[in-house]
Amino acid sequence: MSSPELISEISVEDKIARLTIGQSDKSEVESIFGVEHGSDRNRWAYNFDDRQFEISERRQGPGLGAIPVSAGVVPINTRAVVTPTFSPAGIVKRIEVARFFDEPFIND
């Protein structure tokens, strides 16, 4: 088992700081946070998770008898959720942030 890849609070805050309400558009948000945001047109959610390589026993799925284990990087601890909301023109009109780095957790 390898050591976990931890999400830095500073890296998340730096990304949030690059957004400007009323100016940033969808393409800018995707360039900062990526394209993995769900399918809602006007509200995207980005999860920032610590990750770890894990090998586990497979209990279902194709090829179960041939390959009884699965391996890969899995999320182990959510550190922040950033949810930008867009106007009909595709401009950021609101940013919700839930931070789970230290208790008490901060949501703004």
C-alpha atoms as a PDB file:
ATOM      1  CA  MET A   1       0.000   0.000   0.000  1.00  0.00           C
ATOM      2  CA  SER A   2       1.354   3.422  -0.912  1.00  0.00           C
ATOM      3  CA  SER A   3       1.108   6.600   1.120  1.00  0.00           C
ATOM      4  CA  PRO A   4      -1.922   8.810   0.463  1.00  0.00           C
ATOM      5  CA  GLU A   5      -1.868  11.827  -1.847  1.00  0.00           C
ATOM      6  CA  LEU A   6      -3.136  14.686   0.334  1.00  0.00           C
ATOM      7  CA  ILE A   7      -4.983  17.754  -0.927  1.00  0.00           C
ATOM      8  CA  SER A   8      -3.413  21.016   0.197  1.00  0.00           C
ATOM      9  CA  GLU A   9      -5.713  23.678   1.643  1.00  0.00           C
ATOM     10  CA  ILE A  10      -3.514  26.327   0.010  1.00  0.00           C
ATOM     11  CA  SER A  11      -3.922  24.767  -3.453  1.00  0.00           C
ATOM     12  CA  VAL A  12      -7.730  24.796  -3.090  1.00  0.00           C
ATOM     13  CA  GLU A  13      -7.740  28.405  -1.836  1.00  0.00           C
ATOM     14  CA  ASP A  14      -5.478  29.475  -4.732  1.00  0.00           C
ATOM     15  CA  LYS A  15      -7.935  28.002  -7.239  1.00  0.00           C
ATOM     16  CA  ILE A  16     -10.926  29.696  -5.597  1.00  0.00           C
ATOM     17  CA  ALA A  17      -9.074  33.035  -5.567  1.00  0.00           C
ATOM     18  CA  ARG A  18      -8.677  32.856  -9.360  1.00  0.00           C
ATOM     19  CA  LEU A  19     -12.475  33.083  -9.825  1.00  0.00           C
ATOM     20  CA  THR A  20     -14.279  36.425 -10.071  1.00  0.00           C
ATOM     21  CA  ILE A  21     -18.036  36.554  -9.499  1.00  0.00           C
ATOM     22  CA  GLY A  22     -19.703  38.353 -12.404  1.00  0.00           C
ATOM     23  CA  GLN A  23     -16.677  37.877 -14.702  1.00  0.00           C
ATOM     24  CA  SER A  24     -15.378  34.281 -14.761  1.00  0.00           C
ATOM     25  CA  ASP A  25     -17.093  32.076 -17.346  1.00  0.00           C
ATOM     26  CA  LYS A  26     -17.530  28.317 -17.709  1.00  0.00           C
ATOM     27  CA  SER A  27     -14.389  27.817 -19.807  1.00  0.00           C
ATOM     28  CA  GLU A  28     -12.299  29.660 -17.196  1.00  0.00           C
ATOM     29  CA  VAL A  29     -13.807  27.530 -14.404  1.00  0.00           C
ATOM     30  CA  GLU A  30     -12.962  24.353 -16.357  1.00  0.00           C
ATOM     31  CA  SER A  31      -9.400  25.576 -16.959  1.00  0.00           C
ATOM     32  CA  ILE A  32      -8.946  26.100 -13.199  1.00  0.00           C
ATOM     33  CA  PHE A  33     -10.863  23.128 -11.749  1.00  0.00           C
ATOM     34  CA  GLY A  34     -11.128  20.653 -14.637  1.00  0.00           C
ATOM     35  CA  VAL A  35     -13.958  19.067 -16.597  1.00  0.00           C
ATOM     36  CA  GLU A  36     -15.143  16.551 -13.956  1.00  0.00           C
ATOM     37  CA  HIS A  37     -18.084  18.565 -12.610  1.00  0.00           C
ATOM     38  CA  GLY A  38     -21.317  16.720 -13.301  1.00  0.00           C
ATOM     39  CA  SER A  39     -23.932  17.366 -15.956  1.00  0.00           C
ATOM     40  CA  ASP A  40     -25.986  20.239 -14.516  1.00  0.00           C
ATOM     41  CA  ARG A  41     -25.800  23.210 -16.909  1.00  0.00           C
ATOM     42  CA  ASN A  42     -25.844  25.988 -14.318  1.00  0.00           C
ATOM     43  CA  ARG A  43     -24.351  24.447 -11.169  1.00  0.00           C
ATOM     44  CA  TRP A  44     -21.113  22.469 -11.105  1.00  0.00           C
ATOM     45  CA  ALA A  45     -19.612  20.677  -8.094  1.00  0.00           C
ATOM     46  CA  TYR A  46     -15.931  19.905  -7.636  1.00  0.00           C
ATOM     47  CA  ASN A  47     -14.778  17.529  -4.884  1.00  0.00           C
ATOM     48  CA  PHE A  48     -11.223  17.769  -3.621  1.00  0.00           C
ATOM     49  CA  ASP A  49     -10.365  14.429  -2.017  1.00  0.00           C
ATOM     50  CA  ASP A  50      -7.268  12.910  -0.513  1.00  0.00           C
ATOM     51  CA  ARG A  51      -6.482   9.806  -2.574  1.00  0.00           C
ATOM     52  CA  GLN A  52      -4.747   6.515  -1.996  1.00  0.00           C
ATOM     53  CA  PHE A  53      -3.807   3.513  -4.131  1.00  0.00           C
ATOM     54  CA  GLU A  54      -5.833   0.525  -3.009  1.00  0.00           C
ATOM     55  CA  ILE A  55      -6.149  -3.146  -3.904  1.00  0.00           C
ATOM     56  CA  SER A  56      -9.444  -4.766  -2.984  1.00  0.00           C
ATOM     57  CA  GLU A  57     -11.316  -8.008  -3.532  1.00  0.00           C
ATOM     58  CA  ARG A  58     -13.960  -7.805  -6.256  1.00  0.00           C
ATOM     59  CA  ARG A  59     -17.344  -9.184  -5.303  1.00  0.00           C
ATOM     60  CA  GLN A  60     -19.220  -8.461  -8.534  1.00  0.00           C
ATOM     61  CA  GLY A  61     -18.757  -7.332 -12.113  1.00  0.00           C
ATOM     62  CA  PRO A  62     -17.489  -8.736 -15.412  1.00  0.00           C
ATOM     63  CA  GLY A  63     -14.445 -11.023 -15.319  1.00  0.00           C
ATOM     64  CA  LEU A  64     -14.968 -11.798 -11.640  1.00  0.00           C
ATOM     65  CA  GLY A  65     -13.517 -15.320 -11.880  1.00  0.00           C
ATOM     66  CA  ALA A  66     -10.523 -14.337 -14.015  1.00  0.00           C
ATOM     67  CA  ILE A  67      -9.514 -11.238 -12.039  1.00  0.00           C
ATOM     68  CA  PRO A  68     -10.713 -11.513  -8.428  1.00  0.00           C
ATOM     69  CA  VAL A  69      -9.118  -8.209  -7.315  1.00  0.00           C
ATOM     70  CA  SER A  70      -9.307  -4.612  -8.440  1.00  0.00           C
ATOM     71  CA  ALA A  71      -6.688  -1.932  -7.994  1.00  0.00           C
ATOM     72  CA  GLY A  72      -6.622   1.809  -8.420  1.00  0.00           C
ATOM     73  CA  VAL A  73      -6.528   5.207  -6.808  1.00  0.00           C
ATOM     74  CA  VAL A  74      -9.583   5.851  -4.649  1.00  0.00           C
ATOM     75  CA  PRO A  75     -10.801   8.909  -2.720  1.00  0.00           C
ATOM     76  CA  ILE A  76     -10.339   8.447   1.024  1.00  0.00           C
ATOM     77  CA  ASN A  77     -11.219  11.804   2.590  1.00  0.00           C
ATOM     78  CA  THR A  78     -13.086  14.816   1.174  1.00  0.00           C
ATOM     79  CA  ARG A  79     -11.242  18.045   1.973  1.00  0.00           C
ATOM     80  CA  ALA A  80     -13.362  20.613   0.101  1.00  0.00           C
ATOM     81  CA  VAL A  81     -16.354  20.935  -2.187  1.00  0.00           C
ATOM     82  CA  VAL A  82     -16.468  23.980  -4.479  1.00  0.00           C
ATOM     83  CA  THR A  83     -19.767  24.662  -6.256  1.00  0.00           C
ATOM     84  CA  PRO A  84     -19.916  27.526  -8.761  1.00  0.00           C
ATOM     85  CA  THR A  85     -23.372  28.557  -9.989  1.00  0.00           C
ATOM     86  CA  PHE A  86     -23.736  30.219 -13.398  1.00  0.00           C
ATOM     87  CA  SER A  87     -26.062  32.805 -14.929  1.00  0.00           C
ATOM     88  CA  PRO A  88     -27.942  31.851 -18.119  1.00  0.00           C
ATOM     89  CA  ALA A  89     -25.073  33.522 -20.027  1.00  0.00           C
ATOM     90  CA  GLY A  90     -22.549  31.146 -18.410  1.00  0.00           C
ATOM     91  CA  ILE A  91     -20.945  33.658 -16.016  1.00  0.00           C
ATOM     92  CA  VAL A  92     -20.217  32.741 -12.373  1.00  0.00           C
ATOM     93  CA  LYS A  93     -22.897  34.321 -10.194  1.00  0.00           C
ATOM     94  CA  ARG A  94     -22.196  32.472  -6.930  1.00  0.00           C
ATOM     95  CA  ILE A  95     -19.520  30.240  -5.403  1.00  0.00           C
ATOM     96  CA  GLU A  96     -20.296  27.908  -2.503  1.00  0.00           C
ATOM     97  CA  VAL A  97     -17.353  26.411  -0.633  1.00  0.00           C
ATOM     98  CA  ALA A  98     -17.388  23.707   2.042  1.00  0.00           C
ATOM     99  CA  ARG A  99     -14.001  23.198   3.704  1.00  0.00           C
ATOM    100  CA  PHE A 100     -13.177  20.041   5.684  1.00  0.00           C
ATOM    101  CA  PHE A 101      -9.508  20.633   6.540  1.00  0.00           C
ATOM    102  CA  ASP A 102      -9.806  21.438  10.261  1.00  0.00           C
ATOM    103  CA  GLU A 103     -12.661  21.335  12.750  1.00  0.00           C
ATOM    104  CA  PRO A 104     -14.815  23.322  12.999  1.00  0.00           C
ATOM    105  CA  PHE A 105     -15.497  22.873   9.301  1.00  0.00           C
ATOM    106  CA  ILE A 106     -16.126  26.096   7.346  1.00  0.00           C
ATOM    107  CA  ASN A 107     -18.886  26.561   4.780  1.00  0.00           C
ATOM    108  CA  ASP A 108     -19.306  29.849   2.947  1.00  0.00           C
END
